[in-house]
PDB file of N, CA and C in Angstrom:
ATOM      1  N   MET A   1     -11.164  16.919   3.658  1.00  0.00           N
ATOM      2  CA  MET A   1     -10.743  15.733   3.218  1.00  0.00           C
ATOM      3  C   MET A   1      -9.465  15.258   4.134  1.00  0.00           C
ATOM      4  N   ASN A   2      -9.075  14.507   5.139  1.00  0.00           N
ATOM      5  CA  ASN A   2      -7.870  14.392   6.161  1.00  0.00           C
ATOM      6  C   ASN A   2      -6.937  13.509   4.722  1.00  0.00           C
ATOM      7  N   GLU A   3      -5.943  13.627   4.960  1.00  0.00           N
ATOM      8  CA  GLU A   3      -4.822  12.804   4.674  1.00  0.00           C
ATOM      9  C   GLU A   3      -4.691  11.375   4.510  1.00  0.00           C
ATOM     10  N   ILE A   4      -5.511  10.483   5.307  1.00  0.00           N
ATOM     11  CA  ILE A   4      -5.729   9.419   4.851  1.00  0.00           C
ATOM     12  C   ILE A   4      -7.007   9.124   3.801  1.00  0.00           C
ATOM     13  N   GLU A   5      -7.592  10.084   4.169  1.00  0.00           N
ATOM     14  CA  GLU A   5      -8.621   9.970   2.987  1.00  0.00           C
ATOM     15  C   GLU A   5      -8.316  10.180   1.555  1.00  0.00           C
ATOM     16  N   LYS A   6      -7.318  11.791   1.744  1.00  0.00           N
ATOM     17  CA  LYS A   6      -6.452  11.523   0.334  1.00  0.00           C
ATOM     18  C   LYS A   6      -5.785  10.402  -0.203  1.00  0.00           C
ATOM     19  N   ILE A   7      -5.256   9.751   0.893  1.00  0.00           N
ATOM     20  CA  ILE A   7      -4.262   8.462   0.531  1.00  0.00           C
ATOM     21  C   ILE A   7      -5.499   7.385  -0.401  1.00  0.00           C
ATOM     22  N   LYS A   8      -6.723   6.887   0.213  1.00  0.00           N
ATOM     23  CA  LYS A   8      -7.317   5.785  -0.084  1.00  0.00           C
ATOM     24  C   LYS A   8      -8.065   6.236  -1.206  1.00  0.00           C
ATOM     25  N   ARG A   9      -8.243   7.531  -1.604  1.00  0.00           N
ATOM     26  CA  ARG A   9      -8.622   8.120  -2.790  1.00  0.00           C
ATOM     27  C   ARG A   9      -7.764   8.200  -4.106  1.00  0.00           C
ATOM     28  N   TYR A  10      -6.436   8.354  -3.744  1.00  0.00           N
ATOM     29  CA  TYR A  10      -5.607   8.407  -4.752  1.00  0.00           C
ATOM     30  C   TYR A  10      -5.342   6.897  -5.097  1.00  0.00           C
ATOM     31  N   ILE A  11      -5.510   5.992  -4.313  1.00  0.00           N
ATOM     32  CA  ILE A  11      -5.180   4.492  -4.772  1.00  0.00           C
ATOM     33  C   ILE A  11      -6.528   4.243  -5.472  1.00  0.00           C
ATOM     34  N   GLU A  12      -7.530   4.713  -4.797  1.00  0.00           N
ATOM     35  CA  GLU A  12      -9.062   4.345  -5.845  1.00  0.00           C
ATOM     36  C   GLU A  12      -9.284   4.838  -7.190  1.00  0.00           C
ATOM     37  N   ARG A  13      -8.352   5.839  -7.324  1.00  0.00           N
ATOM     38  CA  ARG A  13      -8.496   6.405  -8.706  1.00  0.00           C
ATOM     39  C   ARG A  13      -7.876   5.869  -9.733  1.00  0.00           C
ATOM     40  N   THR A  14      -6.499   5.473  -9.022  1.00  0.00           N
ATOM     41  CA  THR A  14      -5.056   4.681  -9.811  1.00  0.00           C
ATOM     42  C   THR A  14      -5.674   3.791 -10.450  1.00  0.00           C
ATOM     43  N   LYS A  15      -6.835   3.006 -10.164  1.00  0.00           N
ATOM     44  CA  LYS A  15      -7.429   1.798 -10.791  1.00  0.00           C
ATOM     45  C   LYS A  15      -6.277   0.527 -11.419  1.00  0.00           C
ATOM     46  N   PHE A  16      -5.678   0.234 -10.382  1.00  0.00           N
ATOM     47  CA  PHE A  16      -4.581  -1.110 -10.810  1.00  0.00           C
ATOM     48  C   PHE A  16      -5.148  -2.125 -10.167  1.00  0.00           C
ATOM     49  N   LYS A  17      -4.674  -3.181 -10.494  1.00  0.00           N
ATOM     50  CA  LYS A  17      -5.311  -4.689 -10.174  1.00  0.00           C
ATOM     51  C   LYS A  17      -4.726  -4.984  -8.831  1.00  0.00           C
ATOM     52  N   GLU A  18      -5.336  -5.358  -8.263  1.00  0.00           N
ATOM     53  CA  GLU A  18      -4.627  -5.932  -6.911  1.00  0.00           C
ATOM     54  C   GLU A  18      -4.627  -7.119  -7.362  1.00  0.00           C
ATOM     55  N   THR A  19      -3.509  -8.126  -6.759  1.00  0.00           N
ATOM     56  CA  THR A  19      -3.647  -9.859  -6.562  1.00  0.00           C
ATOM     57  C   THR A  19      -3.241  -9.680  -5.379  1.00  0.00           C
ATOM     58  N   ASN A  20      -3.177 -11.283  -5.229  1.00  0.00           N
ATOM     59  CA  ASN A  20      -3.420 -11.888  -3.612  1.00  0.00           C
ATOM     60  C   ASN A  20      -2.081 -11.909  -3.199  1.00  0.00           C
ATOM     61  N   ARG A  21      -1.020 -11.949  -3.937  1.00  0.00           N
ATOM     62  CA  ARG A  21       0.610 -12.741  -4.405  1.00  0.00           C
ATOM     63  C   ARG A  21       1.312 -11.942  -4.791  1.00  0.00           C
ATOM     64  N   THR A  22       2.119 -11.035  -4.651  1.00  0.00           N
ATOM     65  CA  THR A  22       3.368 -10.410  -5.413  1.00  0.00           C
ATOM     66  C   THR A  22       4.695 -10.516  -5.259  1.00  0.00           C
ATOM     67  N   PRO A  23       5.866 -10.691  -5.480  1.00  0.00           N
ATOM     68  CA  PRO A  23       6.722 -10.514  -4.786  1.00  0.00           C
ATOM     69  C   PRO A  23       7.085  -9.607  -3.842  1.00  0.00           C
ATOM     70  N   TYR A  24       6.182  -8.298  -4.043  1.00  0.00           N
ATOM     71  CA  TYR A  24       6.846  -6.984  -2.935  1.00  0.00           C
ATOM     72  C   TYR A  24       5.716  -7.438  -1.869  1.00  0.00           C
ATOM     73  N   TRP A  25       4.671  -8.694  -1.762  1.00  0.00           N
ATOM     74  CA  TRP A  25       4.311  -8.516  -0.275  1.00  0.00           C
ATOM     75  C   TRP A  25       4.572  -8.787   0.881  1.00  0.00           C
ATOM     76  N   MET A  26       4.380  -8.913   1.934  1.00  0.00           N
ATOM     77  CA  MET A  26       5.299  -9.172   3.009  1.00  0.00           C
ATOM     78  C   MET A  26       4.294 -10.528   3.491  1.00  0.00           C
ATOM     79  N   SER A  27       5.577 -11.154   4.224  1.00  0.00           N
ATOM     80  CA  SER A  27       5.021 -12.599   4.626  1.00  0.00           C
ATOM     81  C   SER A  27       4.192 -12.520   5.915  1.00  0.00           C
ATOM     82  N   CYS A  28       3.533 -13.509   6.087  1.00  0.00           N
ATOM     83  CA  CYS A  28       2.763 -13.380   7.906  1.00  0.00           C
ATOM     84  C   CYS A  28       3.538 -12.809   8.890  1.00  0.00           C
ATOM     85  N   GLY A  29       4.687 -13.786   8.886  1.00  0.00           N
ATOM     86  CA  GLY A  29       5.655 -13.692  10.121  1.00  0.00           C
ATOM     87  C   GLY A  29       6.391 -11.813  10.045  1.00  0.00           C
ATOM     88  N   GLU A  30       6.378 -11.476   8.699  1.00  0.00           N
ATOM     89  CA  GLU A  30       7.105 -10.085   8.900  1.00  0.00           C
ATOM     90  C   GLU A  30       5.947  -8.921   9.305  1.00  0.00           C
ATOM     91  N   TRP A  31       4.759  -9.393   8.944  1.00  0.00           N
ATOM     92  CA  TRP A  31       3.394  -8.502   9.403  1.00  0.00           C
ATOM     93  C   TRP A  31       3.314  -8.731  11.164  1.00  0.00           C
ATOM     94  N   ILE A  32       3.122  -9.893  11.374  1.00  0.00           N
ATOM     95  CA  ILE A  32       3.534  -9.880  13.069  1.00  0.00           C
ATOM     96  C   ILE A  32       4.812  -9.049  13.861  1.00  0.00           C
ATOM     97  N   ALA A  33       5.833  -9.500  13.093  1.00  0.00           N
ATOM     98  CA  ALA A  33       6.803  -8.542  13.638  1.00  0.00           C
ATOM     99  C   ALA A  33       6.600  -7.302  13.906  1.00  0.00           C
ATOM    100  N   LEU A  34       6.011  -6.617  13.020  1.00  0.00           N
ATOM    101  CA  LEU A  34       6.099  -5.401  12.637  1.00  0.00           C
ATOM    102  C   LEU A  34       5.153  -4.965  13.512  1.00  0.00           C
ATOM    103  N   CYS A  35       4.029  -5.513  13.950  1.00  0.00           N
ATOM    104  CA  CYS A  35       3.183  -5.236  14.730  1.00  0.00           C
ATOM    105  C   CYS A  35       3.314  -5.422  16.408  1.00  0.00           C
ATOM    106  N   ASP A  36       4.542  -6.516  16.455  1.00  0.00           N
ATOM    107  CA  ASP A  36       4.608  -6.721  17.991  1.00  0.00           C
ATOM    108  C   ASP A  36       5.665  -5.652  18.146  1.00  0.00           C
ATOM    109  N   PHE A  37       6.363  -5.175  16.760  1.00  0.00           N
ATOM    110  CA  PHE A  37       7.389  -4.061  17.503  1.00  0.00           C
ATOM    111  C   PHE A  37       6.535  -2.388  17.590  1.00  0.00           C
ATOM    112  N   ALA A  38       5.489  -2.292  17.209  1.00  0.00           N
ATOM    113  CA  ALA A  38       4.900  -1.192  17.147  1.00  0.00           C
ATOM    114  C   ALA A  38       3.853  -1.347  18.709  1.00  0.00           C
ATOM    115  N   LYS A  39       4.056  -1.974  18.920  1.00  0.00           N
ATOM    116  CA  LYS A  39       3.280  -2.437  20.394  1.00  0.00           C
ATOM    117  C   LYS A  39       1.877  -1.514  20.404  1.00  0.00           C
ATOM    118  N   GLY A  40       1.209  -1.595  19.071  1.00  0.00           N
ATOM    119  CA  GLY A  40       0.004  -1.314  19.241  1.00  0.00           C
ATOM    120  C   GLY A  40      -1.122  -1.908  18.657  1.00  0.00           C
ATOM    121  N   SER A  41      -2.344  -1.764  18.325  1.00  0.00           N
ATOM    122  CA  SER A  41      -3.552  -2.881  18.079  1.00  0.00           C
ATOM    123  C   SER A  41      -2.912  -3.406  17.213  1.00  0.00           C
ATOM    124  N   ARG A  42      -2.985  -4.469  17.222  1.00  0.00           N
ATOM    125  CA  ARG A  42      -2.337  -5.261  15.599  1.00  0.00           C
ATOM    126  C   ARG A  42      -3.278  -5.160  14.503  1.00  0.00           C
ATOM    127  N   GLN A  43      -4.648  -4.588  14.541  1.00  0.00           N
ATOM    128  CA  GLN A  43      -5.383  -4.580  13.662  1.00  0.00           C
ATOM    129  C   GLN A  43      -5.215  -2.834  12.679  1.00  0.00           C
ATOM    130  N   ASN A  44      -4.974  -1.998  13.864  1.00  0.00           N
ATOM    131  CA  ASN A  44      -4.903  -0.780  13.563  1.00  0.00           C
ATOM    132  C   ASN A  44      -3.366  -0.819  12.582  1.00  0.00           C
ATOM    133  N   VAL A  45      -2.358  -1.490  13.025  1.00  0.00           N
ATOM    134  CA  VAL A  45      -0.850  -1.181  12.874  1.00  0.00           C
ATOM    135  C   VAL A  45      -0.962  -1.858  11.216  1.00  0.00           C
ATOM    136  N   VAL A  46      -1.813  -3.271  11.164  1.00  0.00           N
ATOM    137  CA  VAL A  46      -1.676  -3.715  10.138  1.00  0.00           C
ATOM    138  C   VAL A  46      -2.605  -2.876   9.074  1.00  0.00           C
ATOM    139  N   ASP A  47      -3.478  -2.298   9.561  1.00  0.00           N
ATOM    140  CA  ASP A  47      -4.439  -1.521   8.386  1.00  0.00           C
ATOM    141  C   ASP A  47      -3.386   0.021   8.072  1.00  0.00           C
ATOM    142  N   ALA A  48      -2.632   0.181   8.769  1.00  0.00           N
ATOM    143  CA  ALA A  48      -2.210   1.343   8.258  1.00  0.00           C
ATOM    144  C   ALA A  48      -0.691   1.006   7.363  1.00  0.00           C
ATOM    145  N   ILE A  49      -0.327  -0.656   7.854  1.00  0.00           N
ATOM    146  CA  ILE A  49       1.058  -0.609   6.712  1.00  0.00           C
ATOM    147  C   ILE A  49       0.588  -0.910   5.635  1.00  0.00           C
ATOM    148  N   ASP A  50      -0.705  -1.268   5.322  1.00  0.00           N
ATOM    149  CA  ASP A  50      -1.367  -2.107   4.468  1.00  0.00           C
ATOM    150  C   ASP A  50      -1.647  -1.101   3.334  1.00  0.00           C
ATOM    151  N   LEU A  51      -2.445   0.254   4.087  1.00  0.00           N
ATOM    152  CA  LEU A  51      -2.513   1.355   3.378  1.00  0.00           C
ATOM    153  C   LEU A  51      -0.693   1.993   2.452  1.00  0.00           C
ATOM    154  N   ALA A  52      -0.057   2.024   3.587  1.00  0.00           N
ATOM    155  CA  ALA A  52       1.014   2.733   2.631  1.00  0.00           C
ATOM    156  C   ALA A  52       1.681   1.953   1.773  1.00  0.00           C
ATOM    157  N   PHE A  53       1.418   0.535   1.921  1.00  0.00           N
ATOM    158  CA  PHE A  53       2.167  -0.507   0.807  1.00  0.00           C
ATOM    159  C   PHE A  53       1.605   0.049  -0.576  1.00  0.00           C
ATOM    160  N   ARG A  54      -0.044  -0.032  -0.084  1.00  0.00           N
ATOM    161  CA  ARG A  54      -0.942   0.417  -1.506  1.00  0.00           C
ATOM    162  C   ARG A  54      -0.424   1.586  -2.211  1.00  0.00           C
ATOM    163  N   TYR A  55      -0.580   2.525  -1.311  1.00  0.00           N
ATOM    164  CA  TYR A  55      -0.200   3.486  -1.747  1.00  0.00           C
ATOM    165  C   TYR A  55       0.932   3.581  -2.459  1.00  0.00           C
ATOM    166  N   GLY A  56       2.054   3.242  -2.012  1.00  0.00           N
ATOM    167  CA  GLY A  56       3.298   3.311  -3.159  1.00  0.00           C
ATOM    168  C   GLY A  56       3.211   2.435  -3.880  1.00  0.00           C
ATOM    169  N   ARG A  57       2.386   1.841  -4.024  1.00  0.00           N
ATOM    170  CA  ARG A  57       2.144   0.646  -5.118  1.00  0.00           C
ATOM    171  C   ARG A  57       1.128   1.460  -6.383  1.00  0.00           C
ATOM    172  N   ALA A  58       0.472   2.400  -5.773  1.00  0.00           N
ATOM    173  CA  ALA A  58      -0.641   3.459  -6.718  1.00  0.00           C
ATOM    174  C   ALA A  58       0.489   4.421  -7.201  1.00  0.00           C
ATOM    175  N   LYS A  59       1.165   4.977  -5.990  1.00  0.00           N
ATOM    176  CA  LYS A  59       2.285   6.056  -6.906  1.00  0.00           C
ATOM    177  C   LYS A  59       3.003   5.273  -7.894  1.00  0.00           C
ATOM    178  N   GLY A  60       3.620   3.995  -7.933  1.00  0.00           N
ATOM    179  CA  GLY A  60       4.418   3.147  -8.523  1.00  0.00           C
ATOM    180  C   GLY A  60       3.596   3.264  -9.667  1.00  0.00           C
ATOM    181  N   GLU A  61       2.954   2.889  -9.859  1.00  0.00           N
ATOM    182  CA  GLU A  61       1.955   2.660 -11.373  1.00  0.00           C
ATOM    183  C   GLU A  61       1.632   3.584 -11.940  1.00  0.00           C
ATOM    184  N   ARG A  62       1.723   4.781 -11.186  1.00  0.00           N
ATOM    185  CA  ARG A  62       1.303   6.108 -11.934  1.00  0.00           C
ATOM    186  C   ARG A  62       2.461   6.449 -12.606  1.00  0.00           C
ATOM    187  N   HIS A  63       3.082   6.653 -11.888  1.00  0.00           N
ATOM    188  CA  HIS A  63       4.839   6.488 -12.821  1.00  0.00           C
ATOM    189  C   HIS A  63       5.211   5.944 -13.591  1.00  0.00           C
ATOM    190  N   ALA A  64       5.183   4.741 -13.402  1.00  0.00           N
ATOM    191  CA  ALA A  64       5.572   3.553 -14.991  1.00  0.00           C
ATOM    192  C   ALA A  64       4.229   3.973 -15.723  1.00  0.00           C
ATOM    193  N   ARG A  65       3.433   4.165 -15.635  1.00  0.00           N
ATOM    194  CA  ARG A  65       2.384   4.657 -16.730  1.00  0.00           C
ATOM    195  C   ARG A  65       2.491   6.402 -17.626  1.00  0.00           C
ATOM    196  N   ARG A  66       3.185   6.960 -16.602  1.00  0.00           N
ATOM    197  CA  ARG A  66       3.577   8.118 -17.693  1.00  0.00           C
ATOM    198  C   ARG A  66       4.584   8.067 -18.088  1.00  0.00           C
ATOM    199  N   GLU A  67       6.107   7.340 -17.677  1.00  0.00           N
ATOM    200  CA  GLU A  67       7.225   6.647 -18.137  1.00  0.00           C
ATOM    201  C   GLU A  67       6.580   6.072 -19.566  1.00  0.00           C
ATOM    202  N   ALA A  68       5.714   5.323 -19.437  1.00  0.00           N
ATOM    203  CA  ALA A  68       5.122   4.444 -20.805  1.00  0.00           C
ATOM    204  C   ALA A  68       4.996   5.644 -21.947  1.00  0.00           C
ATOM    205  N   LYS A  69       3.849   6.360 -21.489  1.00  0.00           N
ATOM    206  CA  LYS A  69       3.516   7.273 -22.598  1.00  0.00           C
ATOM    207  C   LYS A  69       4.679   8.743 -22.940  1.00  0.00           C
ATOM    208  N   ARG A  70       5.767   8.355 -22.280  1.00  0.00           N
ATOM    209  CA  ARG A  70       6.916   9.256 -22.917  1.00  0.00           C
ATOM    210  C   ARG A  70       7.505   8.608 -23.820  1.00  0.00           C
ATOM    211  N   ALA A  71       7.846   7.379 -23.586  1.00  0.00           N
ATOM    212  CA  ALA A  71       8.185   6.509 -24.520  1.00  0.00           C
ATOM    213  C   ALA A  71       7.956   6.251 -26.008  1.00  0.00           C
TER     214      ALA A  71
END
Protein backbone atom coordinates (compact mmCIF):
# COMPACT_ATOMS: atom_id res chain seq x y z
CA MET A 1 0.00 0.00 0.00
CA ASN A 2 1.52 3.34 -1.03
CA GLU A 3 1.26 6.59 0.96
CA ILE A 4 -1.71 7.91 -1.06
CA GLU A 5 -3.65 4.71 -0.42
CA LYS A 6 -2.81 4.98 3.29
CA ILE A 7 -4.05 8.57 3.41
CA LYS A 8 -7.30 7.69 1.63
CA ARG A 9 -7.86 4.73 3.95
CA TYR A 10 -7.21 6.95 6.99
CA ILE A 11 -9.87 9.41 5.79
CA GLU A 12 -12.40 6.65 5.08
CA ARG A 13 -11.87 4.99 8.46
CA THR A 14 -12.31 8.27 10.35
CA LYS A 15 -15.98 8.46 9.21
CA PHE A 16 -16.73 12.15 9.56
CA LYS A 17 -19.54 13.96 7.84
CA GLU A 18 -18.32 15.92 4.84
CA THR A 19 -20.33 19.01 4.01
CA ASN A 20 -20.34 21.06 0.83
CA ARG A 21 -19.30 24.27 2.53
CA THR A 22 -17.52 25.03 5.79
CA PRO A 23 -15.40 27.98 6.90
CA TYR A 24 -12.33 25.86 6.14
CA TRP A 25 -13.03 25.35 2.44
CA MET A 26 -11.23 27.44 -0.15
CA SER A 27 -12.93 29.62 -2.74
CA CYS A 28 -12.93 28.71 -6.43
CA GLY A 29 -10.54 31.59 -7.12
CA GLU A 30 -8.08 30.29 -4.54
CA TRP A 31 -8.17 26.80 -6.08
CA ILE A 32 -7.51 28.22 -9.53
CA ALA A 33 -4.67 30.39 -8.23
CA LEU A 34 -3.00 27.36 -6.65
CA CYS A 35 -3.43 25.34 -9.84
CA ASP A 36 -1.94 28.11 -11.95
CA PHE A 37 0.92 28.49 -9.49
CA ALA A 38 1.68 24.76 -9.69
CA LYS A 39 1.71 24.88 -13.52
CA GLY A 40 0.61 21.23 -13.64
CA SER A 41 -2.53 19.46 -14.72
CA ARG A 42 -5.32 21.32 -12.97
CA GLN A 43 -7.25 18.18 -12.11
CA ASN A 44 -4.21 16.43 -10.65
CA VAL A 45 -3.24 19.43 -8.57
CA VAL A 46 -6.80 19.98 -7.31
CA ASP A 47 -7.15 16.32 -6.40
CA ALA A 48 -3.86 16.37 -4.49
CA ILE A 49 -4.73 19.55 -2.59
CA ASP A 50 -8.25 18.31 -1.85
CA LEU A 51 -6.84 15.07 -0.52
CA ALA A 52 -4.39 16.94 1.69
CA PHE A 53 -7.15 19.10 3.18
CA ARG A 54 -9.42 16.10 3.78
CA TYR A 55 -6.54 14.23 5.40
CA GLY A 56 -5.94 17.20 7.70
CA ARG A 57 -9.63 17.30 8.52
CA ALA A 58 -9.65 13.59 9.36
CA LYS A 59 -6.63 14.02 11.62
CA GLY A 60 -8.30 16.97 13.33
CA GLU A 61 -11.51 15.01 13.86
CA ARG A 62 -9.62 12.14 15.44
CA HIS A 63 -7.71 14.52 17.68
CA ALA A 64 -10.93 16.19 18.82
CA ARG A 65 -12.52 12.81 19.57
CA ARG A 66 -9.55 11.75 21.67
CA GLU A 67 -9.69 15.02 23.59
CA ALA A 68 -13.42 14.64 24.18
CA LYS A 69 -12.92 11.13 25.59
CA ARG A 70 -10.26 12.42 27.99
CA ALA A 71 -12.56 15.14 29.34
